[in-house]
Amino acid sequence: MYKVFFKDSCFFLTEQTNFNQETSFSLKHREFQTTQEFVQQLLSHPQPFTATIFHNDVEELLSIFKSCFTYVKAAGGIVRQEDRILVIKRLGMYDLPKGHLESGETIEQCAVREVEEECGLKEVKITVPLDSSFHIYLRDNQWFLKKTYWYVMSCPPHPEPKPQTEEDIEETFWLPVSQIDAILPETYASLRSIFETIRRISG
């Protein structure tokens, strides 16, 4: 099963006919045009929703769903130091450092570069891969589906991290893992499970 976020809404892509998640809308995929119209109509829905799309091959369904959008890849990380993680604040929302994959680099190289650039760090290293996340956004009248690869990272002790202000980052700070719950209401739905995973593996 795949979970794709759109603001506070969510699409579930699944092959499980007994899928018991309570959803507002559902569709069994039969042909591309119908599925595309189903997705496009929901993107203009005025209220948050959950929607389930069924198909007997979930990997094929993901490919079909991707075809409804311009598909992009990104990578980012959660830097840990003892019982703290590095958090950024961008455009008034708590976030994690991440960015788009550039030509010629691997996903891992992208994740490290973005964390170092956005937070003013050096010698960042990946320690553990995490689950990826998917989310949909609109930019310049074009719909995008972004897959973000996430990693737990480490770095040597540094002076306080510095926000990359040209990327609209207002603040970078170390947050105790025990205080993750306090920021969840002011972060993106697609990131909440990432924060919760960090809290769980740090427990």
Protein backbone atom coordinates (compact mmCIF):
# COMPACT_ATOMS: atom_id res chain seq x y z
CA MET A 1 0.00 0.00 0.00
CA TYR A 2 1.10 3.56 -0.69
CA LYS A 3 -0.05 6.68 1.11
CA VAL A 4 0.05 9.97 -0.81
CA PHE A 5 -0.57 13.25 1.00
CA PHE A 6 -2.18 16.38 -0.38
CA LYS A 7 -2.24 19.15 2.24
CA ASP A 8 -4.36 17.59 5.04
CA SER A 9 -5.91 15.05 2.67
CA CYS A 10 -4.66 11.62 1.69
CA PHE A 11 -4.89 9.04 -1.11
CA PHE A 12 -4.45 5.36 -0.28
CA LEU A 13 -3.28 3.16 -3.16
CA THR A 14 -3.86 -0.48 -2.34
CA GLU A 15 -4.46 -3.97 -3.72
CA GLN A 16 -6.24 -5.08 -0.55
CA THR A 17 -9.92 -5.53 -1.31
CA ASN A 18 -10.57 -5.86 2.44
CA PHE A 19 -8.81 -2.57 3.16
CA ASN A 20 -10.64 -1.22 6.19
CA GLN A 21 -9.37 2.36 6.38
CA GLU A 22 -12.37 4.68 6.63
CA THR A 23 -12.32 6.83 3.51
CA SER A 24 -14.50 9.56 2.05
CA PHE A 25 -14.15 8.39 -1.56
CA SER A 26 -13.10 5.17 -3.28
CA LEU A 27 -12.50 3.89 -6.79
CA LYS A 28 -11.55 0.58 -8.34
CA HIS A 29 -9.11 1.33 -11.14
CA ARG A 30 -10.19 0.08 -14.56
CA GLU A 31 -8.79 2.55 -17.06
CA PHE A 32 -6.52 5.56 -16.90
CA GLN A 33 -8.92 8.35 -17.90
CA THR A 34 -11.47 7.50 -15.19
CA THR A 35 -8.79 7.29 -12.52
CA GLN A 36 -7.22 10.55 -13.67
CA GLU A 37 -10.59 12.33 -13.54
CA PHE A 38 -11.24 10.90 -10.07
CA VAL A 39 -7.92 12.26 -8.82
CA GLN A 40 -8.30 15.66 -10.48
CA GLN A 41 -11.78 16.18 -9.09
CA LEU A 42 -10.58 15.45 -5.57
CA LEU A 43 -7.70 17.91 -5.87
CA SER A 44 -10.29 20.68 -6.11
CA HIS A 45 -12.41 19.31 -3.25
CA PRO A 46 -13.07 22.10 -0.73
CA GLN A 47 -12.67 19.95 2.40
CA PRO A 48 -9.95 17.56 3.61
CA PHE A 49 -10.63 14.00 2.48
CA THR A 50 -9.32 10.46 2.41
CA ALA A 51 -9.63 8.50 -0.81
CA THR A 52 -8.81 4.90 -1.67
CA ILE A 53 -7.94 3.60 -5.12
CA PHE A 54 -7.90 -0.19 -5.59
CA HIS A 55 -6.04 -2.27 -8.17
CA ASN A 56 -4.79 -5.86 -8.10
CA ASP A 57 -1.20 -4.72 -8.74
CA VAL A 58 -0.22 -1.89 -6.39
CA GLU A 59 3.07 -1.17 -8.17
CA GLU A 60 1.24 -0.75 -11.46
CA LEU A 61 -1.30 1.43 -9.66
CA LEU A 62 1.48 3.67 -8.36
CA SER A 63 2.81 4.06 -11.91
CA ILE A 64 -0.67 4.96 -13.13
CA PHE A 65 -1.10 7.47 -10.30
CA LYS A 66 2.31 9.03 -11.08
CA SER A 67 1.18 9.52 -14.68
CA CYS A 68 -1.44 11.99 -13.44
CA PHE A 69 1.32 14.38 -12.34
CA THR A 70 4.77 15.72 -13.06
CA TYR A 71 6.84 13.32 -10.96
CA VAL A 72 9.88 14.58 -9.03
CA LYS A 73 12.30 13.09 -6.50
CA ALA A 74 13.78 14.69 -3.40
CA ALA A 75 15.77 13.64 -0.35
CA GLY A 76 16.35 14.88 3.15
CA GLY A 77 17.30 13.88 6.63
CA ILE A 78 16.82 13.91 10.36
CA VAL A 79 20.10 14.79 12.02
CA ARG A 80 20.42 13.35 15.52
CA GLN A 81 22.69 14.36 18.35
CA GLU A 82 22.10 12.38 21.52
CA ASP A 83 18.43 12.96 22.42
CA ARG A 84 17.89 15.86 19.99
CA ILE A 85 16.98 16.22 16.31
CA LEU A 86 17.57 19.13 13.96
CA VAL A 87 14.37 20.89 12.90
CA ILE A 88 13.85 23.86 10.60
CA LYS A 89 11.06 26.40 10.37
CA ARG A 90 10.10 27.38 6.83
CA LEU A 91 7.23 29.70 5.91
CA GLY A 92 5.85 29.41 9.43
CA MET A 93 5.78 25.60 9.50
CA TYR A 94 8.07 23.17 11.28
CA ASP A 95 9.89 21.12 8.67
CA LEU A 96 12.91 18.93 7.98
CA PRO A 97 15.75 19.83 5.61
CA LYS A 98 15.24 18.36 2.16
CA GLY A 99 15.42 19.26 -1.51
CA HIS A 100 15.21 18.13 -5.11
CA LEU A 101 17.54 15.63 -6.70
CA GLU A 102 20.03 17.28 -9.04
CA SER A 103 21.39 15.82 -12.27
CA GLY A 104 24.25 13.39 -11.75
CA GLU A 105 23.88 12.85 -8.00
CA THR A 106 22.58 9.87 -6.08
CA ILE A 107 19.66 10.07 -3.69
CA GLU A 108 22.06 9.73 -0.76
CA GLN A 109 24.29 12.54 -2.06
CA CYS A 110 21.22 14.73 -2.51
CA ALA A 111 20.07 14.11 1.07
CA VAL A 112 23.45 15.01 2.57
CA ARG A 113 23.91 18.08 0.34
CA GLU A 114 20.48 19.48 1.15
CA VAL A 115 20.91 19.04 4.90
CA GLU A 116 24.35 20.66 4.83
CA GLU A 117 23.18 23.57 2.66
CA GLU A 118 19.91 24.29 4.46
CA CYS A 119 21.35 24.06 7.97
CA GLY A 120 24.95 25.23 7.55
CA LEU A 121 26.45 21.89 8.62
CA LYS A 122 29.52 19.93 7.52
CA GLU A 123 30.51 16.26 7.53
CA VAL A 124 26.94 15.01 7.67
CA LYS A 125 26.70 11.23 7.35
CA ILE A 126 23.79 8.87 6.75
CA THR A 127 23.28 6.26 9.45
CA VAL A 128 19.88 4.66 8.74
CA PRO A 129 17.41 4.88 5.83
CA LEU A 130 13.76 5.57 6.66
CA ASP A 131 10.55 5.10 4.70
CA SER A 132 9.94 7.47 1.81
CA SER A 133 6.99 9.85 1.68
CA PHE A 134 4.78 11.06 -1.17
CA HIS A 135 2.95 14.34 -1.44
CA ILE A 136 1.14 16.39 -4.08
CA TYR A 137 1.49 20.13 -4.59
CA LEU A 138 0.57 22.80 -7.10
CA ARG A 139 3.17 25.19 -8.50
CA ASP A 140 2.85 27.56 -11.46
CA ASN A 141 -0.52 25.97 -12.36
CA GLN A 142 1.09 22.53 -12.63
CA TRP A 143 0.45 19.54 -10.37
CA PHE A 144 3.48 17.70 -8.99
CA LEU A 145 3.87 14.40 -7.16
CA LYS A 146 7.03 14.37 -5.07
CA LYS A 147 8.69 11.30 -3.60
CA THR A 148 11.04 12.21 -0.76
CA TYR A 149 13.65 9.75 0.47
CA TRP A 150 14.44 10.14 4.18
CA TYR A 151 17.49 9.20 6.23
CA VAL A 152 18.62 9.39 9.82
CA MET A 153 21.93 11.26 9.91
CA SER A 154 24.75 12.22 12.23
CA CYS A 155 27.25 15.07 12.28
CA PRO A 156 30.15 16.20 14.46
CA PRO A 157 29.48 18.89 17.06
CA HIS A 158 29.23 22.25 15.34
CA PRO A 159 28.42 25.81 16.25
CA GLU A 160 24.69 26.40 16.16
CA PRO A 161 23.20 25.56 12.73
CA LYS A 162 22.43 28.46 10.43
CA PRO A 163 19.26 28.69 8.31
CA GLN A 164 19.60 29.06 4.54
CA THR A 165 17.43 32.16 4.34
CA GLU A 166 17.36 32.22 0.53
CA GLU A 167 15.35 28.98 0.77
CA ASP A 168 12.80 30.72 3.03
CA ILE A 169 14.15 28.99 6.14
CA GLU A 170 13.51 31.22 9.13
CA GLU A 171 15.05 29.13 11.88
CA THR A 172 17.10 25.99 12.57
CA PHE A 173 17.19 24.51 16.06
CA TRP A 174 17.79 21.34 18.06
CA LEU A 175 14.57 19.83 19.37
CA PRO A 176 14.55 17.22 22.17
CA VAL A 177 12.88 14.05 20.89
CA SER A 178 10.63 14.18 23.96
CA GLN A 179 9.12 17.42 22.61
CA ILE A 180 8.17 16.18 19.13
CA ASP A 181 4.48 16.09 20.03
CA ALA A 182 4.54 19.85 20.59
CA ILE A 183 5.36 20.62 16.94
CA LEU A 184 3.16 18.04 15.20
CA PRO A 185 0.12 20.36 14.92
CA GLU A 186 2.29 22.89 13.07
CA THR A 187 4.01 20.60 10.61
CA TYR A 188 2.89 18.99 7.35
CA ALA A 189 0.75 15.87 7.37
CA SER A 190 3.32 14.08 5.19
CA LEU A 191 6.00 14.65 7.87
CA ARG A 192 4.10 13.56 10.95
CA SER A 193 4.80 9.88 10.42
CA ILE A 194 8.52 10.67 9.93
CA PHE A 195 8.65 12.54 13.23
CA GLU A 196 6.72 9.75 14.94
CA THR A 197 9.14 7.14 13.57
CA ILE A 198 12.07 9.08 15.01
CA ARG A 199 10.35 9.27 18.37
CA ARG A 200 9.67 5.52 18.30
CA ILE A 201 13.21 4.43 17.39
CA SER A 202 14.65 6.86 19.92
CA GLY A 203 12.49 5.50 22.72
